[in-house]
N, C-alpha and C. Protein backbone atom coordinates (compact mmCIF):
# COMPACT_ATOMS: atom_id res chain seq x y z
N LEU A 1 24.00 -71.44 -12.87
CA LEU A 1 23.06 -70.34 -12.74
C LEU A 1 22.17 -70.54 -11.50
N ALA A 2 21.74 -71.76 -11.28
CA ALA A 2 20.89 -72.06 -10.12
C ALA A 2 21.68 -71.82 -8.83
N GLU A 3 22.95 -72.20 -8.85
CA GLU A 3 23.80 -71.99 -7.66
C GLU A 3 23.99 -70.49 -7.38
N ARG A 4 24.21 -69.75 -8.43
CA ARG A 4 24.37 -68.29 -8.30
C ARG A 4 23.07 -67.67 -7.77
N TYR A 5 21.95 -68.12 -8.26
CA TYR A 5 20.65 -67.62 -7.80
C TYR A 5 20.45 -67.95 -6.32
N ALA A 6 20.82 -69.17 -5.91
CA ALA A 6 20.70 -69.57 -4.51
C ALA A 6 21.59 -68.70 -3.62
N ASP A 7 22.81 -68.40 -4.10
CA ASP A 7 23.71 -67.52 -3.33
C ASP A 7 23.12 -66.13 -3.17
N LEU A 8 22.57 -65.60 -4.26
CA LEU A 8 21.95 -64.27 -4.21
C LEU A 8 20.75 -64.26 -3.25
N ALA A 9 19.94 -65.29 -3.30
CA ALA A 9 18.77 -65.37 -2.42
C ALA A 9 19.21 -65.46 -0.96
N ALA A 10 20.26 -66.23 -0.69
CA ALA A 10 20.77 -66.36 0.68
C ALA A 10 21.33 -65.04 1.19
N SER A 11 22.09 -64.35 0.36
CA SER A 11 22.66 -63.08 0.81
C SER A 11 21.56 -62.03 1.00
N HIS A 12 20.53 -62.08 0.14
CA HIS A 12 19.41 -61.17 0.29
C HIS A 12 18.67 -61.44 1.60
N SER A 13 18.44 -62.70 1.90
CA SER A 13 17.77 -63.07 3.16
C SER A 13 18.59 -62.61 4.36
N GLU A 14 19.90 -62.78 4.29
CA GLU A 14 20.78 -62.35 5.39
C GLU A 14 20.74 -60.84 5.54
N ALA A 15 20.74 -60.11 4.43
CA ALA A 15 20.67 -58.65 4.48
C ALA A 15 19.35 -58.21 5.11
N LEU A 16 18.25 -58.87 4.76
CA LEU A 16 16.95 -58.53 5.35
C LEU A 16 16.95 -58.81 6.85
N ARG A 17 17.52 -59.94 7.24
CA ARG A 17 17.58 -60.30 8.66
C ARG A 17 18.39 -59.25 9.44
N GLN A 18 19.54 -58.86 8.88
CA GLN A 18 20.38 -57.85 9.55
C GLN A 18 19.64 -56.51 9.65
N ARG A 19 18.91 -56.16 8.60
CA ARG A 19 18.16 -54.90 8.61
C ARG A 19 17.09 -54.92 9.70
N GLU A 20 16.35 -56.04 9.79
CA GLU A 20 15.33 -56.16 10.84
C GLU A 20 15.95 -56.09 12.23
N GLU A 21 17.10 -56.73 12.38
CA GLU A 21 17.80 -56.70 13.67
C GLU A 21 18.23 -55.28 14.02
N ARG A 22 18.77 -54.55 13.05
CA ARG A 22 19.16 -53.15 13.28
C ARG A 22 17.97 -52.29 13.64
N GLU A 23 16.86 -52.49 12.91
CA GLU A 23 15.65 -51.71 13.21
C GLU A 23 15.13 -51.99 14.61
N TRP A 24 15.15 -53.27 15.00
CA TRP A 24 14.71 -53.65 16.34
C TRP A 24 15.62 -53.01 17.39
N HIS A 25 16.93 -53.08 17.14
CA HIS A 25 17.90 -52.51 18.08
C HIS A 25 17.72 -50.98 18.17
N ASN A 26 17.52 -50.33 17.04
CA ASN A 26 17.32 -48.88 17.03
C ASN A 26 16.05 -48.49 17.77
N ALA A 27 15.00 -49.27 17.59
CA ALA A 27 13.75 -48.99 18.31
C ALA A 27 13.97 -49.11 19.82
N ARG A 28 14.70 -50.13 20.23
CA ARG A 28 15.01 -50.31 21.66
C ARG A 28 15.83 -49.13 22.18
N LEU A 29 16.81 -48.69 21.39
CA LEU A 29 17.64 -47.55 21.80
C LEU A 29 16.81 -46.27 21.89
N ARG A 30 15.88 -46.06 20.95
CA ARG A 30 15.02 -44.88 21.02
C ARG A 30 14.16 -44.90 22.27
N GLN A 31 13.64 -46.08 22.60
CA GLN A 31 12.82 -46.23 23.80
C GLN A 31 13.64 -45.94 25.06
N GLU A 32 14.84 -46.48 25.11
CA GLU A 32 15.73 -46.24 26.26
C GLU A 32 16.11 -44.77 26.34
N ASN A 33 16.35 -44.15 25.19
CA ASN A 33 16.71 -42.74 25.13
C ASN A 33 15.57 -41.88 25.69
N ALA A 34 14.34 -42.19 25.31
CA ALA A 34 13.19 -41.45 25.82
C ALA A 34 13.06 -41.61 27.33
N ARG A 35 13.28 -42.83 27.82
CA ARG A 35 13.21 -43.07 29.26
C ARG A 35 14.29 -42.27 29.99
N LEU A 36 15.50 -42.25 29.43
CA LEU A 36 16.59 -41.51 30.06
C LEU A 36 16.36 -40.00 30.02
N ARG A 37 15.74 -39.50 28.95
CA ARG A 37 15.42 -38.07 28.90
C ARG A 37 14.45 -37.71 30.02
N LEU A 38 13.43 -38.55 30.22
CA LEU A 38 12.48 -38.30 31.31
C LEU A 38 13.17 -38.34 32.66
N GLU A 39 14.04 -39.32 32.86
CA GLU A 39 14.78 -39.43 34.12
C GLU A 39 15.68 -38.20 34.31
N ASN A 40 16.30 -37.76 33.23
CA ASN A 40 17.17 -36.59 33.29
C ASN A 40 16.37 -35.34 33.69
N ARG A 41 15.19 -35.17 33.09
CA ARG A 41 14.34 -34.02 33.46
C ARG A 41 13.95 -34.09 34.92
N ARG A 42 13.58 -35.29 35.37
CA ARG A 42 13.19 -35.46 36.77
C ARG A 42 14.35 -35.11 37.70
N LEU A 43 15.55 -35.57 37.35
CA LEU A 43 16.72 -35.29 38.19
C LEU A 43 17.06 -33.79 38.18
N ARG A 44 16.90 -33.15 37.03
CA ARG A 44 17.14 -31.70 36.98
C ARG A 44 16.17 -30.94 37.89
N ARG A 45 14.88 -31.34 37.82
CA ARG A 45 13.88 -30.70 38.70
C ARG A 45 14.23 -30.93 40.16
N GLU A 46 14.58 -32.18 40.48
CA GLU A 46 14.95 -32.51 41.86
C GLU A 46 16.16 -31.70 42.29
N ASN A 47 17.13 -31.58 41.40
CA ASN A 47 18.35 -30.83 41.70
C ASN A 47 18.02 -29.36 41.97
N ARG A 48 17.21 -28.76 41.08
CA ARG A 48 16.82 -27.36 41.28
C ARG A 48 16.11 -27.17 42.61
N CYS A 49 15.21 -28.09 42.91
CA CYS A 49 14.45 -28.02 44.15
C CYS A 49 15.38 -28.12 45.36
N LEU A 50 16.32 -29.05 45.32
CA LEU A 50 17.24 -29.22 46.45
C LEU A 50 18.12 -27.99 46.64
N PHE A 51 18.63 -27.44 45.54
CA PHE A 51 19.47 -26.25 45.66
C PHE A 51 18.65 -25.04 46.13
N ARG A 52 17.42 -24.95 45.66
CA ARG A 52 16.55 -23.87 46.11
C ARG A 52 16.32 -23.99 47.62
N GLN A 53 16.06 -25.21 48.08
CA GLN A 53 15.88 -25.43 49.52
C GLN A 53 17.13 -25.06 50.30
N ALA A 54 18.29 -25.42 49.74
CA ALA A 54 19.55 -25.12 50.42
C ALA A 54 19.78 -23.61 50.48
N LEU A 55 19.41 -22.91 49.41
CA LEU A 55 19.61 -21.45 49.40
C LEU A 55 18.64 -20.74 50.34
N LEU A 56 17.40 -21.22 50.38
CA LEU A 56 16.39 -20.56 51.21
C LEU A 56 16.52 -20.91 52.68
N GLY A 57 17.19 -22.01 52.98
CA GLY A 57 17.35 -22.42 54.37
C GLY A 57 16.14 -23.18 54.85
N PRO A 58 16.12 -23.53 56.13
CA PRO A 58 14.99 -24.31 56.65
C PRO A 58 13.71 -23.50 56.64
N GLY A 59 12.60 -24.20 56.47
CA GLY A 59 11.29 -23.54 56.45
C GLY A 59 10.90 -23.08 57.84
N PRO A 60 9.76 -22.39 57.96
CA PRO A 60 9.33 -21.86 59.25
C PRO A 60 9.00 -22.97 60.27
N ASP A 61 8.67 -24.17 59.77
CA ASP A 61 8.33 -25.24 60.69
C ASP A 61 9.56 -26.03 61.14
N LYS A 62 10.73 -25.74 60.56
CA LYS A 62 11.95 -26.45 60.94
C LYS A 62 12.80 -25.54 61.83
N PRO A 63 13.33 -26.11 62.89
CA PRO A 63 14.21 -25.28 63.73
C PRO A 63 15.51 -24.98 62.99
N PRO A 64 16.08 -23.82 63.22
CA PRO A 64 17.35 -23.49 62.56
C PRO A 64 18.44 -24.48 63.00
N THR A 65 19.28 -24.85 62.06
CA THR A 65 20.36 -25.79 62.38
C THR A 65 21.65 -25.02 62.59
N GLU A 66 22.55 -25.67 63.23
CA GLU A 66 23.88 -25.09 63.41
C GLU A 66 24.58 -25.05 62.05
N PRO A 67 25.44 -24.05 61.82
CA PRO A 67 26.12 -23.98 60.51
C PRO A 67 26.91 -25.25 60.19
N GLY A 68 27.53 -25.85 61.16
CA GLY A 68 28.30 -27.08 60.92
C GLY A 68 27.38 -28.22 60.52
N GLU A 69 26.23 -28.31 61.17
CA GLU A 69 25.27 -29.36 60.83
C GLU A 69 24.73 -29.17 59.42
N GLU A 70 24.44 -27.92 59.09
CA GLU A 70 23.90 -27.62 57.76
C GLU A 70 24.93 -27.95 56.69
N ALA A 71 26.20 -27.57 56.95
CA ALA A 71 27.25 -27.86 55.98
C ALA A 71 27.41 -29.37 55.79
N GLU A 72 27.35 -30.11 56.89
CA GLU A 72 27.47 -31.57 56.80
C GLU A 72 26.30 -32.18 56.03
N ALA A 73 25.10 -31.67 56.29
CA ALA A 73 23.91 -32.16 55.57
C ALA A 73 24.04 -31.86 54.09
N LEU A 74 24.53 -30.67 53.73
CA LEU A 74 24.70 -30.33 52.33
C LEU A 74 25.78 -31.18 51.68
N ARG A 75 26.87 -31.49 52.41
CA ARG A 75 27.91 -32.36 51.87
C ARG A 75 27.35 -33.75 51.59
N ALA A 76 26.55 -34.26 52.53
CA ALA A 76 25.96 -35.58 52.34
C ALA A 76 25.02 -35.58 51.14
N GLN A 77 24.22 -34.53 51.03
CA GLN A 77 23.28 -34.41 49.91
C GLN A 77 24.05 -34.32 48.59
N LEU A 78 25.13 -33.55 48.58
CA LEU A 78 25.95 -33.44 47.38
C LEU A 78 26.53 -34.79 47.00
N GLY A 79 27.01 -35.54 47.98
CA GLY A 79 27.54 -36.87 47.71
C GLY A 79 26.50 -37.78 47.08
N ARG A 80 25.28 -37.74 47.60
CA ARG A 80 24.20 -38.57 47.05
C ARG A 80 23.89 -38.15 45.60
N LEU A 81 23.84 -36.85 45.36
CA LEU A 81 23.56 -36.36 44.01
C LEU A 81 24.69 -36.74 43.04
N GLN A 82 25.94 -36.64 43.50
CA GLN A 82 27.06 -37.02 42.64
C GLN A 82 27.01 -38.50 42.30
N GLU A 83 26.65 -39.33 43.27
CA GLU A 83 26.54 -40.76 43.01
C GLU A 83 25.41 -41.05 42.01
N LYS A 84 24.28 -40.37 42.16
CA LYS A 84 23.18 -40.54 41.19
C LYS A 84 23.65 -40.13 39.80
N HIS A 85 24.39 -39.05 39.72
CA HIS A 85 24.90 -38.55 38.45
C HIS A 85 25.85 -39.57 37.83
N ARG A 86 26.76 -40.14 38.64
CA ARG A 86 27.69 -41.15 38.13
C ARG A 86 26.94 -42.37 37.60
N ARG A 87 25.93 -42.82 38.34
CA ARG A 87 25.14 -43.98 37.90
C ARG A 87 24.42 -43.67 36.59
N ALA A 88 23.86 -42.46 36.48
CA ALA A 88 23.16 -42.09 35.25
C ALA A 88 24.12 -42.05 34.07
N LEU A 89 25.32 -41.51 34.28
CA LEU A 89 26.31 -41.47 33.19
C LEU A 89 26.73 -42.87 32.78
N ARG A 90 26.97 -43.76 33.77
CA ARG A 90 27.32 -45.14 33.45
C ARG A 90 26.21 -45.80 32.64
N HIS A 91 24.98 -45.54 33.03
CA HIS A 91 23.84 -46.14 32.33
C HIS A 91 23.74 -45.61 30.90
N LEU A 92 24.02 -44.33 30.71
CA LEU A 92 23.97 -43.73 29.38
C LEU A 92 25.05 -44.31 28.47
N ARG A 93 26.19 -44.65 29.03
CA ARG A 93 27.31 -45.16 28.22
C ARG A 93 27.08 -46.59 27.74
N ARG A 94 26.14 -47.30 28.35
CA ARG A 94 25.88 -48.70 27.93
C ARG A 94 25.21 -48.76 26.60
């Protein structure tokens, strides 16, 4: 009976330890999730702003660019945004 009681106490302690570990892990995941949501919102705002700038063209203080130069600048900007997006997706999958 004492041995059975010791086994039950040990399994109960292990279950409590696992529960605390899960709760700690879940809290960490919730914190990371909140951080990623904020980053996602920031990237969406940045994306909207960049596309708005691209649609409106250069401001009055900027000299007009050649169409080829503008296309190249937009391609470079798109590449940077795609790389940021890939990094964010990789980070989310972890």
